[in-house]
Amino acid sequence: MGETMSKRLKLHLGAEAEMEERAFPNPFPDYEAAASAAGAEDSGSARPPPSPDGLALPFHEDGKIAQNFTRRIQTKIKDLLQQMEEGLKTADPHDCSAYTGWTGIALLYLQLYRVTCDQTYLLRSLDYVKRTLRNLNGRRVTFLCGDAGPLAVGAVVYHKLKSDCESRECITKLLQLQRTVVARDSDLPDELLYGRAGYLYALLYLNTEIGPSTVDEAAIKEVVTAIVESGKALSREERKTERCPLLYQWHRKQYVGAAHGMAGIYYMLMQATAKVDQETLTEMVKPSIDYVRHKRFRSGNYPSSLSNETDRLVHWCHGAPGVAHMLMQAYQVFKEEKYLKDAVECGDVIWQRGLLRKGYGVCHGAAGNGYAFLSLYHLTQDRRDLYRACKFAEWCLEYGAHGCRVPDRPYSLFEGMAGAIHFLSDVLAPETSRFPAFELGSLQTDKQV
């Protein structure tokens, strides 16, 4: 008995040390404490508000972001954009990816155009799009790391500029990649960064941003079928057909998270625009999601892969922040409370362990983790989720002051500064926020902006 207790204590202390090593302690009071401080302030109490912006809560009763917090974010975005543009002068001229290259910068300016309607941002996006379209390499096919990203973003930017001929040319080239994606003898993986789900996202992105019939439904179905058949084949091979009908791996590891793993693949298959039939969703996707749910650690976090029992990573790419998006989508598709409950518990993990020493980026940084709160807020309308997103934004307002590790591509969308700017701009309009190159907007959402 004593030995068991000792082992438990060691595990607990190990987890504490791991958390300390990978994340900063969250310095912010949680929503309940801040709300009560706001109440005390309103009632004339001398109790000081916990936020340095002079407000206990950075938004009003209706969820609208407070004016002084908005000004702080706008000022910081302007400052960071200047730093980013200066830094990009020494960036890799050949990296055209959305993940770390020029397409990611084009996406950022497209986002700034979306939230401000300032045409200069759209023209800036075009500058970067032109650069990427001159340098397509043909080796990779995904939105984040391959040619699909530059072509899809190019199509959207040209469409918004009413350059329909150039837009159609980009779409045609994007669809020419499909043969490689669906080939039976292809060794292409299925995950988001380098695999079929990443190509599927590009098709869904076009139908969301340009119009629902931009990419033919048959083309989307072909990619979906390839992803489903691949998952079924590995499941049979691993003898997991009953427990996990759709099983996926990358580099011989069965990853769980959003970037390389099952959470990202299931998330794409559950998108309404993917038009996956109800039987596949119910009989294949749902039990597979439940299989992943049962791999959850006691902390509420998720392993990076099925074989990994270490509770270490709280990133969008690996861990609770990416899995939370899958769970939220499952709740919307299957209407079962267990998925929302698990997603909310992911939010608690992110609040405790999500201010990462790795930095401020969206893949494995505070901005990417903050997006989970914005997405939860869409679903719950719970002001606690909005508050937490604002606090992660507040952390990003002190960009560079915490002693985080400097990423390899410090100004990029997924590793660096561009991602933090993208997140800050979404906090200004939380109702229409979307994680870049992952969450899909809607035509209705865009009309509200």
Protein backbone atom coordinates (compact mmCIF):
# COMPACT_ATOMS: atom_id res chain seq x y z
CA MET A 1 0.00 0.00 0.00
CA GLY A 2 2.79 2.42 1.00
CA GLU A 3 4.68 1.62 -2.21
CA THR A 4 1.58 2.39 -4.32
CA MET A 5 1.12 5.73 -2.54
CA SER A 6 4.80 6.52 -3.10
CA LYS A 7 4.47 5.77 -6.83
CA ARG A 8 1.41 8.00 -7.05
CA LEU A 9 3.24 10.82 -5.29
CA LYS A 10 6.18 10.49 -7.69
CA LEU A 11 3.83 10.59 -10.67
CA HIS A 12 2.07 13.66 -9.27
CA LEU A 13 5.35 15.46 -8.56
CA GLY A 14 6.64 14.47 -11.99
CA ALA A 15 3.55 15.94 -13.66
CA GLU A 16 3.94 19.14 -11.62
CA ALA A 17 7.61 19.44 -12.65
CA GLU A 18 6.72 18.74 -16.30
CA MET A 19 4.06 21.45 -16.24
CA GLU A 20 6.49 23.94 -14.68
CA GLU A 21 9.08 23.10 -17.35
CA ARG A 22 6.70 23.50 -20.31
CA ALA A 23 4.29 26.24 -19.19
CA PHE A 24 4.33 29.36 -17.06
CA PRO A 25 2.04 29.39 -14.03
CA ASN A 26 -1.13 31.21 -15.07
CA PRO A 27 -0.92 34.62 -13.30
CA PHE A 28 -4.53 35.61 -13.99
CA PRO A 29 -7.49 35.11 -11.64
CA ASP A 30 -10.14 32.95 -13.27
CA TYR A 31 -13.47 34.38 -14.42
CA GLU A 32 -15.38 33.96 -11.16
CA ALA A 33 -12.79 35.94 -9.17
CA ALA A 34 -12.57 38.64 -11.83
CA ALA A 35 -16.36 38.91 -12.11
CA SER A 36 -16.72 39.30 -8.36
CA ALA A 37 -13.98 41.95 -8.41
CA ALA A 38 -15.92 43.75 -11.13
CA GLY A 39 -19.03 43.55 -8.95
CA ALA A 40 -17.13 44.90 -5.98
CA GLU A 41 -15.77 47.74 -8.10
CA ASP A 42 -19.27 48.58 -9.36
CA SER A 43 -20.59 48.68 -5.80
CA GLY A 44 -18.02 51.27 -4.78
CA SER A 45 -15.55 48.91 -3.11
CA ALA A 46 -11.90 49.96 -3.03
CA ARG A 47 -10.85 46.46 -4.13
CA PRO A 48 -8.53 46.89 -7.16
CA PRO A 49 -9.42 45.19 -10.46
CA PRO A 50 -7.11 42.30 -11.40
CA SER A 51 -6.43 43.43 -14.99
CA PRO A 52 -3.75 45.98 -15.86
CA ASP A 53 -6.12 47.55 -18.43
CA GLY A 54 -8.14 49.08 -15.60
CA LEU A 55 -11.08 46.70 -15.96
CA ALA A 56 -11.81 43.53 -14.02
CA LEU A 57 -13.52 42.23 -17.17
CA PRO A 58 -12.28 43.23 -20.64
CA PHE A 59 -15.80 43.08 -22.13
CA HIS A 60 -19.31 44.33 -21.44
CA GLU A 61 -22.45 42.46 -20.41
CA ASP A 62 -23.34 41.78 -24.05
CA GLY A 63 -19.91 40.22 -24.72
CA LYS A 64 -18.66 43.24 -26.70
CA ILE A 65 -14.95 43.83 -26.12
CA ALA A 66 -14.35 46.95 -24.01
CA GLN A 67 -13.07 49.99 -25.85
CA ASN A 68 -9.83 50.41 -23.91
CA PHE A 69 -8.94 46.72 -24.34
CA THR A 70 -9.76 47.03 -28.05
CA ARG A 71 -7.40 50.03 -28.31
CA ARG A 72 -4.61 48.11 -26.59
CA ILE A 73 -4.99 45.22 -29.02
CA GLN A 74 -5.14 47.48 -32.08
CA THR A 75 -2.02 49.33 -30.97
CA LYS A 76 -0.18 46.07 -30.36
CA ILE A 77 -1.24 44.63 -33.73
CA LYS A 78 0.18 47.72 -35.46
CA ASP A 79 3.43 47.41 -33.51
CA LEU A 80 3.80 43.66 -34.14
CA LEU A 81 3.02 44.04 -37.86
CA GLN A 82 5.91 46.49 -38.18
CA GLN A 83 8.23 44.11 -36.34
CA MET A 84 7.04 41.20 -38.46
CA GLU A 85 7.55 43.00 -41.78
CA GLU A 86 11.06 44.01 -40.72
CA GLY A 87 11.87 40.46 -39.58
CA LEU A 88 10.53 38.89 -42.78
CA LYS A 89 13.27 40.62 -44.77
CA THR A 90 15.59 37.83 -43.64
CA ALA A 91 13.06 34.96 -43.87
CA ASP A 92 13.55 31.98 -46.19
CA PRO A 93 12.58 33.24 -49.66
CA HIS A 94 11.69 29.71 -50.81
CA ASP A 95 9.29 28.78 -47.96
CA CYS A 96 5.86 29.30 -49.49
CA SER A 97 3.91 27.23 -46.97
CA ALA A 98 1.00 28.46 -44.88
CA TYR A 99 2.67 26.88 -41.84
CA THR A 100 5.95 28.81 -41.76
CA GLY A 101 6.17 30.66 -45.07
CA TRP A 102 4.72 33.37 -47.27
CA THR A 103 1.24 31.87 -47.66
CA GLY A 104 0.82 32.17 -43.89
CA ILE A 105 1.57 35.89 -44.12
CA ALA A 106 -0.92 36.22 -47.01
CA LEU A 107 -3.50 34.47 -44.80
CA LEU A 108 -2.81 36.90 -41.96
CA TYR A 109 -3.43 39.91 -44.19
CA LEU A 110 -6.57 38.26 -45.56
CA GLN A 111 -7.73 37.88 -41.94
CA LEU A 112 -6.97 41.54 -41.17
CA TYR A 113 -8.98 42.50 -44.25
CA ARG A 114 -11.84 40.29 -43.03
CA VAL A 115 -12.05 41.95 -39.61
CA THR A 116 -11.38 45.55 -40.71
CA CYS A 117 -12.61 45.69 -44.36
CA ASP A 118 -9.49 47.78 -45.06
CA GLN A 119 -8.61 47.20 -48.73
CA THR A 120 -4.89 47.85 -48.13
CA TYR A 121 -4.70 44.56 -46.20
CA LEU A 122 -6.21 42.68 -49.15
CA LEU A 123 -3.65 44.21 -51.51
CA ARG A 124 -0.87 43.29 -49.07
CA SER A 125 -2.19 39.73 -49.09
CA LEU A 126 -2.04 39.78 -52.89
CA ASP A 127 1.65 40.78 -52.78
CA TYR A 128 2.48 37.67 -50.76
CA VAL A 129 0.18 35.43 -52.82
CA LYS A 130 2.00 36.43 -56.03
CA ARG A 131 5.30 35.54 -54.40
CA THR A 132 4.05 32.07 -53.44
CA LEU A 133 2.46 31.27 -56.79
CA ARG A 134 5.81 31.85 -58.50
CA ASN A 135 7.48 29.28 -56.26
CA LEU A 136 5.24 26.20 -56.12
CA ASN A 137 7.34 23.08 -55.58
CA GLY A 138 4.88 20.30 -56.47
CA ARG A 139 6.24 18.00 -53.77
CA ARG A 140 3.52 18.36 -51.13
CA VAL A 141 -0.23 18.66 -51.53
CA THR A 142 -1.66 20.04 -48.27
CA PHE A 143 -2.99 23.45 -47.31
CA LEU A 144 -0.52 23.98 -44.47
CA CYS A 145 2.67 22.57 -45.92
CA GLY A 146 2.11 22.09 -49.65
CA ASP A 147 0.95 23.69 -52.88
CA ALA A 148 -2.74 23.46 -51.96
CA GLY A 149 -2.32 26.36 -49.51
CA PRO A 150 -0.86 28.93 -51.92
CA LEU A 151 -3.33 27.90 -54.65
CA ALA A 152 -6.39 28.04 -52.36
CA VAL A 153 -5.42 31.35 -50.77
CA GLY A 154 -4.54 32.72 -54.22
CA ALA A 155 -7.97 31.71 -55.52
CA VAL A 156 -9.71 33.47 -52.62
CA VAL A 157 -7.64 36.68 -52.81
CA TYR A 158 -8.16 36.95 -56.58
CA HIS A 159 -11.88 36.24 -56.12
CA LYS A 160 -12.19 39.06 -53.58
CA LEU A 161 -10.37 41.37 -56.00
CA LYS A 162 -12.79 40.27 -58.78
CA SER A 163 -9.91 38.81 -60.81
CA ASP A 164 -11.98 35.78 -61.78
CA CYS A 165 -9.68 34.46 -64.49
CA GLU A 166 -6.69 34.25 -62.08
CA SER A 167 -8.92 32.78 -59.38
CA ARG A 168 -10.15 30.01 -61.70
CA GLU A 169 -6.58 29.25 -62.77
CA CYS A 170 -5.59 28.67 -59.13
CA ILE A 171 -8.60 26.39 -58.59
CA THR A 172 -7.77 24.36 -61.70
CA LYS A 173 -4.19 23.82 -60.53
CA LEU A 174 -5.41 22.86 -57.06
CA LEU A 175 -7.76 20.22 -58.48
CA GLN A 176 -4.93 18.81 -60.61
CA LEU A 177 -3.25 17.71 -57.35
CA GLN A 178 -6.20 15.45 -56.55
CA ARG A 179 -4.95 12.50 -58.61
CA THR A 180 -1.94 12.19 -56.30
CA VAL A 181 -4.13 12.49 -53.19
CA VAL A 182 -6.58 9.71 -54.03
CA ALA A 183 -4.25 7.30 -55.87
CA ARG A 184 -4.64 3.75 -54.52
CA ASP A 185 -0.88 3.13 -54.52
CA SER A 186 -0.10 6.46 -52.82
CA ASP A 187 1.94 6.45 -49.62
CA LEU A 188 0.41 9.79 -48.65
CA PRO A 189 -0.62 9.90 -44.96
CA ASP A 190 -4.07 11.12 -43.89
CA GLU A 191 -3.24 13.80 -41.33
CA LEU A 192 -3.62 17.55 -41.61
CA LEU A 193 -0.06 18.82 -42.06
CA TYR A 194 1.18 16.51 -44.81
CA GLY A 195 -1.78 14.27 -45.67
CA ARG A 196 -5.21 13.93 -47.24
CA ALA A 197 -7.08 15.82 -44.51
CA GLY A 198 -4.86 18.81 -45.32
CA TYR A 199 -5.88 18.64 -48.97
CA LEU A 200 -9.54 18.16 -48.01
CA TYR A 201 -9.33 21.36 -45.94
CA ALA A 202 -8.20 23.29 -49.05
CA LEU A 203 -11.28 22.13 -50.98
CA LEU A 204 -13.64 22.96 -48.10
CA TYR A 205 -11.94 26.34 -47.67
CA LEU A 206 -12.71 27.27 -51.28
CA ASN A 207 -16.36 26.28 -50.95
CA THR A 208 -16.65 28.32 -47.76
CA GLU A 209 -14.84 31.43 -48.99
CA ILE A 210 -15.90 31.60 -52.65
CA GLY A 211 -19.16 29.66 -52.87
CA PRO A 212 -20.60 26.21 -52.11
CA SER A 213 -20.20 24.82 -55.62
CA THR A 214 -16.67 26.11 -56.29
CA VAL A 215 -15.37 22.56 -55.87
CA ASP A 216 -17.63 19.84 -57.17
CA GLU A 217 -19.20 17.60 -54.51
CA ALA A 218 -17.89 14.52 -56.35
CA ALA A 219 -14.29 15.73 -55.97
CA ILE A 220 -14.76 16.23 -52.23
CA LYS A 221 -16.41 12.81 -51.91
CA GLU A 222 -13.45 11.17 -53.64
CA VAL A 223 -11.01 12.59 -51.08
CA VAL A 224 -13.31 11.73 -48.16
CA THR A 225 -13.61 8.15 -49.44
CA ALA A 226 -9.82 7.83 -49.68
CA ILE A 227 -9.46 9.03 -46.05
CA VAL A 228 -12.18 6.69 -44.77
CA GLU A 229 -10.85 3.65 -46.65
CA SER A 230 -7.33 4.31 -45.38
CA GLY A 231 -8.61 4.51 -41.78
CA LYS A 232 -10.59 1.29 -42.16
CA ALA A 233 -7.58 -0.54 -43.62
CA LEU A 234 -5.26 0.37 -40.73
CA SER A 235 -7.96 -0.48 -38.20
CA ARG A 236 -8.30 -3.97 -39.71
CA GLU A 237 -4.53 -4.37 -39.77
CA GLU A 238 -4.27 -3.42 -36.08
CA ARG A 239 -7.36 -5.52 -35.18
CA LYS A 240 -9.23 -2.52 -33.77
CA THR A 241 -12.26 -2.56 -36.08
CA GLU A 242 -14.77 -2.81 -33.22
CA ARG A 243 -13.19 -0.24 -30.91
CA CYS A 244 -11.77 2.25 -33.43
CA PRO A 245 -13.18 1.73 -36.95
CA LEU A 246 -11.04 4.55 -38.40
CA LEU A 247 -7.43 4.39 -37.27
CA TYR A 248 -4.62 6.56 -38.60
CA GLN A 249 -0.87 6.84 -38.25
CA TRP A 250 1.97 9.06 -39.34
CA HIS A 251 5.56 7.80 -39.41
CA ARG A 252 4.31 4.54 -37.84
CA LYS A 253 2.89 6.33 -34.79
CA GLN A 254 -0.82 6.58 -34.09
CA TYR A 255 -0.98 10.26 -33.20
CA VAL A 256 -3.96 11.71 -31.35
CA GLY A 257 -3.72 15.49 -31.81
CA ALA A 258 -4.91 17.96 -34.44
CA ALA A 259 -1.77 18.36 -36.57
CA HIS A 260 -0.60 14.81 -37.22
CA GLY A 261 -3.34 12.81 -35.58
CA MET A 262 -6.82 11.48 -35.41
CA ALA A 263 -8.41 14.56 -33.82
CA GLY A 264 -7.59 16.67 -36.89
CA ILE A 265 -8.78 13.99 -39.33
CA TYR A 266 -12.08 13.32 -37.52
CA TYR A 267 -12.60 17.08 -37.22
CA MET A 268 -12.35 17.49 -41.02
CA LEU A 269 -14.63 14.52 -41.68
CA MET A 270 -17.30 16.07 -39.43
CA GLN A 271 -17.38 19.38 -41.31
CA ALA A 272 -20.82 19.89 -42.84
CA THR A 273 -19.27 20.88 -46.17
CA ALA A 274 -17.41 17.53 -46.34
CA LYS A 275 -20.86 15.92 -46.89
CA VAL A 276 -19.88 12.66 -45.16
CA ASP A 277 -22.94 10.41 -45.10
CA GLN A 278 -24.75 9.89 -41.80
CA GLU A 279 -24.00 6.17 -41.67
CA THR A 280 -20.23 6.76 -41.91
CA LEU A 281 -20.44 9.47 -39.26
CA THR A 282 -22.45 7.30 -36.87
CA GLU A 283 -20.86 3.91 -37.50
CA MET A 284 -17.26 4.92 -38.17
CA VAL A 285 -16.39 8.43 -36.97
CA LYS A 286 -18.36 8.50 -33.70
CA PRO A 287 -16.98 5.25 -32.16
CA SER A 288 -13.47 6.32 -33.23
CA ILE A 289 -13.90 9.63 -31.40
CA ASP A 290 -15.12 7.73 -28.34
CA TYR A 291 -12.02 5.53 -28.55
CA VAL A 292 -9.82 8.66 -28.42
CA ARG A 293 -11.91 10.06 -25.54
CA HIS A 294 -11.13 6.98 -23.46
CA LYS A 295 -7.39 7.64 -23.83
CA ARG A 296 -7.73 10.83 -21.81
CA PHE A 297 -5.41 11.33 -18.85
CA ARG A 298 -6.82 11.96 -15.37
CA SER A 299 -5.73 15.58 -15.72
CA GLY A 300 -8.15 16.03 -18.64
CA ASN A 301 -5.30 16.25 -21.15
CA TYR A 302 -4.71 13.80 -24.03
CA PRO A 303 -1.62 11.83 -25.09
CA SER A 304 0.37 12.83 -28.16
CA SER A 305 0.03 9.27 -29.51
CA LEU A 306 -1.78 6.09 -28.48
CA SER A 307 1.50 4.54 -27.32
CA ASN A 308 2.58 7.55 -25.24
CA GLU A 309 1.57 7.54 -21.57
CA THR A 310 3.29 10.80 -20.65
CA ASP A 311 1.05 13.76 -19.82
CA ARG A 312 3.29 16.46 -21.25
CA LEU A 313 1.98 18.45 -24.19
CA VAL A 314 -0.80 21.03 -24.08
CA HIS A 315 -0.58 22.30 -27.67
CA TRP A 316 -2.95 22.63 -30.60
CA CYS A 317 -0.74 20.14 -32.44
CA HIS A 318 -0.57 17.60 -29.58
CA GLY A 319 -2.86 17.52 -26.55
CA ALA A 320 -6.09 19.01 -25.23
CA PRO A 321 -6.21 22.23 -27.31
CA GLY A 322 -6.48 20.35 -30.63
CA VAL A 323 -8.67 17.56 -29.26
CA ALA A 324 -11.07 20.20 -27.87
CA HIS A 325 -11.95 21.28 -31.43
CA MET A 326 -12.77 17.68 -32.36
CA LEU A 327 -14.98 17.32 -29.28
CA MET A 328 -16.81 20.58 -29.99
CA GLN A 329 -17.48 19.46 -33.55
CA ALA A 330 -18.67 16.06 -32.28
CA TYR A 331 -21.12 17.85 -29.95
CA GLN A 332 -22.51 19.86 -32.88
CA VAL A 333 -22.86 16.78 -35.10
CA PHE A 334 -24.09 14.17 -32.60
CA LYS A 335 -25.79 16.47 -30.02
CA GLU A 336 -24.51 14.44 -27.04
CA GLU A 337 -23.60 16.36 -23.88
CA LYS A 338 -20.58 14.14 -23.12
CA TYR A 339 -18.65 15.77 -25.97
CA LEU A 340 -19.31 19.30 -24.73
CA LYS A 341 -18.45 18.27 -21.16
CA ASP A 342 -15.10 16.85 -22.31
CA ALA A 343 -14.39 19.95 -24.41
CA VAL A 344 -15.07 22.21 -21.41
CA GLU A 345 -12.68 20.08 -19.33
CA CYS A 346 -10.06 20.54 -22.07
CA GLY A 347 -10.60 24.26 -21.55
CA ASP A 348 -9.75 23.88 -17.86
CA VAL A 349 -6.50 22.08 -18.75
CA ILE A 350 -5.58 24.84 -21.21
CA TRP A 351 -6.31 27.53 -18.64
CA GLN A 352 -4.00 25.84 -16.13
CA ARG A 353 -1.20 24.75 -18.49
CA GLY A 354 -1.58 26.65 -21.73
CA LEU A 355 0.73 29.65 -21.35
CA LEU A 356 3.59 27.85 -23.00
CA ARG A 357 7.30 28.46 -22.68
CA LYS A 358 7.55 27.51 -26.37
CA GLY A 359 6.12 30.90 -27.26
CA TYR A 360 3.07 32.68 -28.61
CA GLY A 361 2.37 30.85 -31.89
CA VAL A 362 -0.74 28.99 -32.96
CA CYS A 363 0.71 25.48 -33.41
CA HIS A 364 2.35 25.17 -30.01
CA GLY A 365 1.93 28.49 -28.27
CA ALA A 366 -0.39 30.70 -26.24
CA ALA A 367 -2.28 32.03 -29.28
CA GLY A 368 -3.22 28.57 -30.55
CA ASN A 369 -4.33 27.58 -27.07
CA GLY A 370 -6.36 30.78 -26.78
CA TYR A 371 -8.32 29.82 -29.89
CA ALA A 372 -9.85 26.88 -27.99
CA PHE A 373 -11.52 29.40 -25.67
CA LEU A 374 -12.87 31.43 -28.60
CA SER A 375 -14.32 28.27 -30.15
CA LEU A 376 -15.85 27.23 -26.83
CA TYR A 377 -17.38 30.68 -26.55
CA HIS A 378 -19.06 30.25 -29.97
CA LEU A 379 -20.66 27.08 -28.66
CA THR A 380 -21.45 27.93 -25.04
CA GLN A 381 -21.82 31.74 -25.03
CA ASP A 382 -20.31 31.36 -21.57
CA ARG A 383 -18.52 34.55 -20.59
CA ARG A 384 -15.91 32.52 -18.76
CA ASP A 385 -14.65 31.24 -22.14
CA LEU A 386 -14.52 34.77 -23.55
CA TYR A 387 -12.73 35.99 -20.44
CA ARG A 388 -10.11 33.24 -20.72
CA ALA A 389 -9.54 34.06 -24.41
CA CYS A 390 -9.05 37.72 -23.47
CA LYS A 391 -6.53 36.80 -20.77
CA PHE A 392 -4.51 34.71 -23.25
CA ALA A 393 -4.67 37.75 -25.54
CA GLU A 394 -3.42 39.89 -22.65
CA TRP A 395 -0.47 37.50 -22.34
CA CYS A 396 0.24 37.96 -26.07
CA LEU A 397 0.11 41.75 -25.62
CA GLU A 398 3.35 41.31 -23.66
CA TYR A 399 4.93 39.56 -26.65
CA GLY A 400 8.57 38.73 -25.94
CA ALA A 401 8.51 39.82 -22.29
CA HIS A 402 8.16 36.38 -20.69
CA GLY A 403 11.45 34.80 -21.76
CA CYS A 404 9.85 32.22 -24.08
CA ARG A 405 11.90 30.18 -26.52
CA VAL A 406 12.37 31.94 -29.87
CA PRO A 407 10.95 29.72 -32.64
CA ASP A 408 12.92 28.70 -35.72
CA ARG A 409 10.67 30.83 -37.97
CA PRO A 410 9.91 33.66 -35.51
CA TYR A 411 7.63 35.71 -37.77
CA SER A 412 5.59 32.89 -39.30
CA LEU A 413 1.89 32.11 -38.95
CA PHE A 414 2.08 28.80 -37.13
CA GLU A 415 5.31 29.17 -35.16
CA GLY A 416 5.64 32.87 -34.53
CA MET A 417 4.48 36.45 -34.53
CA ALA A 418 1.99 36.30 -37.43
CA GLY A 419 -0.03 33.70 -35.50
CA ALA A 420 -0.19 35.89 -32.40
CA ILE A 421 -1.37 38.84 -34.53
CA HIS A 422 -4.02 36.61 -36.11
CA PHE A 423 -5.29 35.58 -32.67
CA LEU A 424 -5.33 39.16 -31.35
CA SER A 425 -7.33 40.29 -34.37
CA ASP A 426 -9.87 37.53 -33.73
CA VAL A 427 -10.26 38.55 -30.08
CA LEU A 428 -11.49 41.93 -31.39
CA ALA A 429 -14.41 40.10 -33.05
CA PRO A 430 -14.80 36.91 -31.01
CA GLU A 431 -18.15 35.88 -32.53
CA THR A 432 -16.54 35.41 -35.96
CA SER A 433 -13.12 34.08 -34.91
CA ARG A 434 -11.61 31.02 -36.57
CA PHE A 435 -8.36 29.16 -36.06
CA PRO A 436 -6.33 29.78 -39.25
CA ALA A 437 -6.03 26.95 -41.79
CA PHE A 438 -8.19 24.74 -39.56
CA GLU A 439 -11.58 26.17 -38.60
CA LEU A 440 -13.88 27.02 -41.50
CA GLY A 441 -15.96 30.17 -41.50
CA SER A 442 -19.43 30.43 -43.00
CA LEU A 443 -21.06 32.74 -45.50
CA GLN A 444 -23.41 33.89 -42.74
CA THR A 445 -20.42 34.67 -40.47
CA ASP A 446 -18.77 36.79 -43.14
CA LYS A 447 -21.91 38.87 -43.64
CA GLN A 448 -21.79 39.88 -40.00
CA VAL A 449 -18.26 41.28 -40.20
